[in-house]
Amino acid sequence: MEDLIKKILTETIIDSSVTVEGGESKYTVKVISEIFKDKTIIERHKIIYAALDSYIKSGEIHALTIKSLTIDESNNI
């Protein structure tokens, strides 16, 4: 499932760097993309949730921790 989540997010959020960790329906995703520039945390998370909506509704993803960053934000960590 980790590979599938990464594939979906990479295809949905063009020019992004995606890492996924977890298992047993509980995952942490870190997405770095310039698409997040000038967006609130809620707006960023909505983009990610929308991409994974069917898996969340089916229960295949039960818990999702999201880290959504621009390139500049990721360089300052």
Protein backbone atom coordinates (compact mmCIF):
# COMPACT_ATOMS: atom_id res chain seq x y z
CA MET A 1 0.00 0.00 0.00
CA GLU A 2 2.92 2.37 0.66
CA ASP A 3 3.99 2.13 -2.98
CA LEU A 4 0.42 2.73 -4.17
CA ILE A 5 0.03 5.82 -1.97
CA LYS A 6 3.34 7.18 -3.28
CA LYS A 7 2.31 6.49 -6.89
CA ILE A 8 -1.07 8.21 -6.48
CA LEU A 9 0.40 11.30 -4.82
CA THR A 10 3.29 11.56 -7.28
CA GLU A 11 0.89 11.37 -10.23
CA THR A 12 -1.61 13.79 -8.66
CA ILE A 13 0.89 16.37 -7.42
CA ILE A 14 3.21 16.92 -10.37
CA ASP A 15 6.91 17.63 -9.66
CA SER A 16 6.61 16.46 -6.08
CA SER A 17 8.83 14.48 -3.76
CA VAL A 18 6.79 11.94 -1.79
CA THR A 19 7.77 9.64 1.06
CA VAL A 20 5.38 7.22 2.73
CA GLU A 21 5.86 5.25 5.93
CA GLY A 22 3.58 3.00 7.90
CA GLY A 23 1.38 -0.01 7.47
CA GLU A 24 -1.74 -1.73 8.80
CA SER A 25 -3.87 1.16 7.44
CA LYS A 26 -1.89 3.86 9.34
CA TYR A 27 0.44 5.98 7.25
CA THR A 28 2.60 9.09 7.37
CA VAL A 29 3.15 10.96 4.12
CA LYS A 30 5.61 13.75 3.45
CA VAL A 31 4.98 15.67 0.25
CA ILE A 32 7.29 18.42 -0.98
CA SER A 33 5.98 20.52 -3.85
CA GLU A 34 5.77 24.10 -5.04
CA ILE A 35 2.02 23.56 -5.53
CA PHE A 36 1.75 24.25 -1.78
CA LYS A 37 3.20 27.75 -2.07
CA ASP A 38 0.76 30.38 -0.71
CA LYS A 39 -1.66 27.65 0.48
CA THR A 40 -2.76 27.13 4.07
CA ILE A 41 -2.13 23.84 5.84
CA ILE A 42 -5.81 22.97 5.42
CA GLU A 43 -5.69 23.66 1.67
CA ARG A 44 -2.56 21.53 1.35
CA HIS A 45 -4.11 18.65 3.26
CA LYS A 46 -7.30 18.83 1.19
CA ILE A 47 -5.23 18.24 -1.96
CA ILE A 48 -3.68 15.13 -0.43
CA TYR A 49 -6.94 13.82 1.05
CA ALA A 50 -8.72 14.29 -2.28
CA ALA A 51 -6.11 12.16 -4.04
CA LEU A 52 -6.52 9.34 -1.50
CA ASP A 53 -10.27 9.72 -0.89
CA SER A 54 -11.41 6.32 -2.14
CA TYR A 55 -8.82 4.51 0.01
CA ILE A 56 -9.80 6.52 3.08
CA LYS A 57 -13.51 5.82 2.51
CA SER A 58 -12.86 2.11 2.00
CA GLY A 59 -10.86 1.90 5.24
CA GLU A 60 -7.66 0.84 3.51
CA ILE A 61 -6.23 4.05 4.95
CA HIS A 62 -7.54 4.50 8.47
CA ALA A 63 -5.13 7.09 9.84
CA LEU A 64 -3.08 9.55 7.81
CA THR A 65 -0.43 11.91 9.15
CA ILE A 66 0.52 14.58 6.61
CA LYS A 67 3.60 16.74 6.26
CA SER A 68 3.15 19.09 3.30
CA LEU A 69 5.99 21.46 2.48
CA THR A 70 7.28 23.73 -0.25
CA ILE A 71 10.87 23.24 -1.37
CA ASP A 72 12.00 26.28 0.65
CA GLU A 73 10.23 25.01 3.76
CA SER A 74 11.86 21.59 3.41
CA ASN A 75 15.31 23.17 3.06
CA ASN A 76 14.83 25.09 6.31
CA ILE A 77 14.09 22.04 8.44
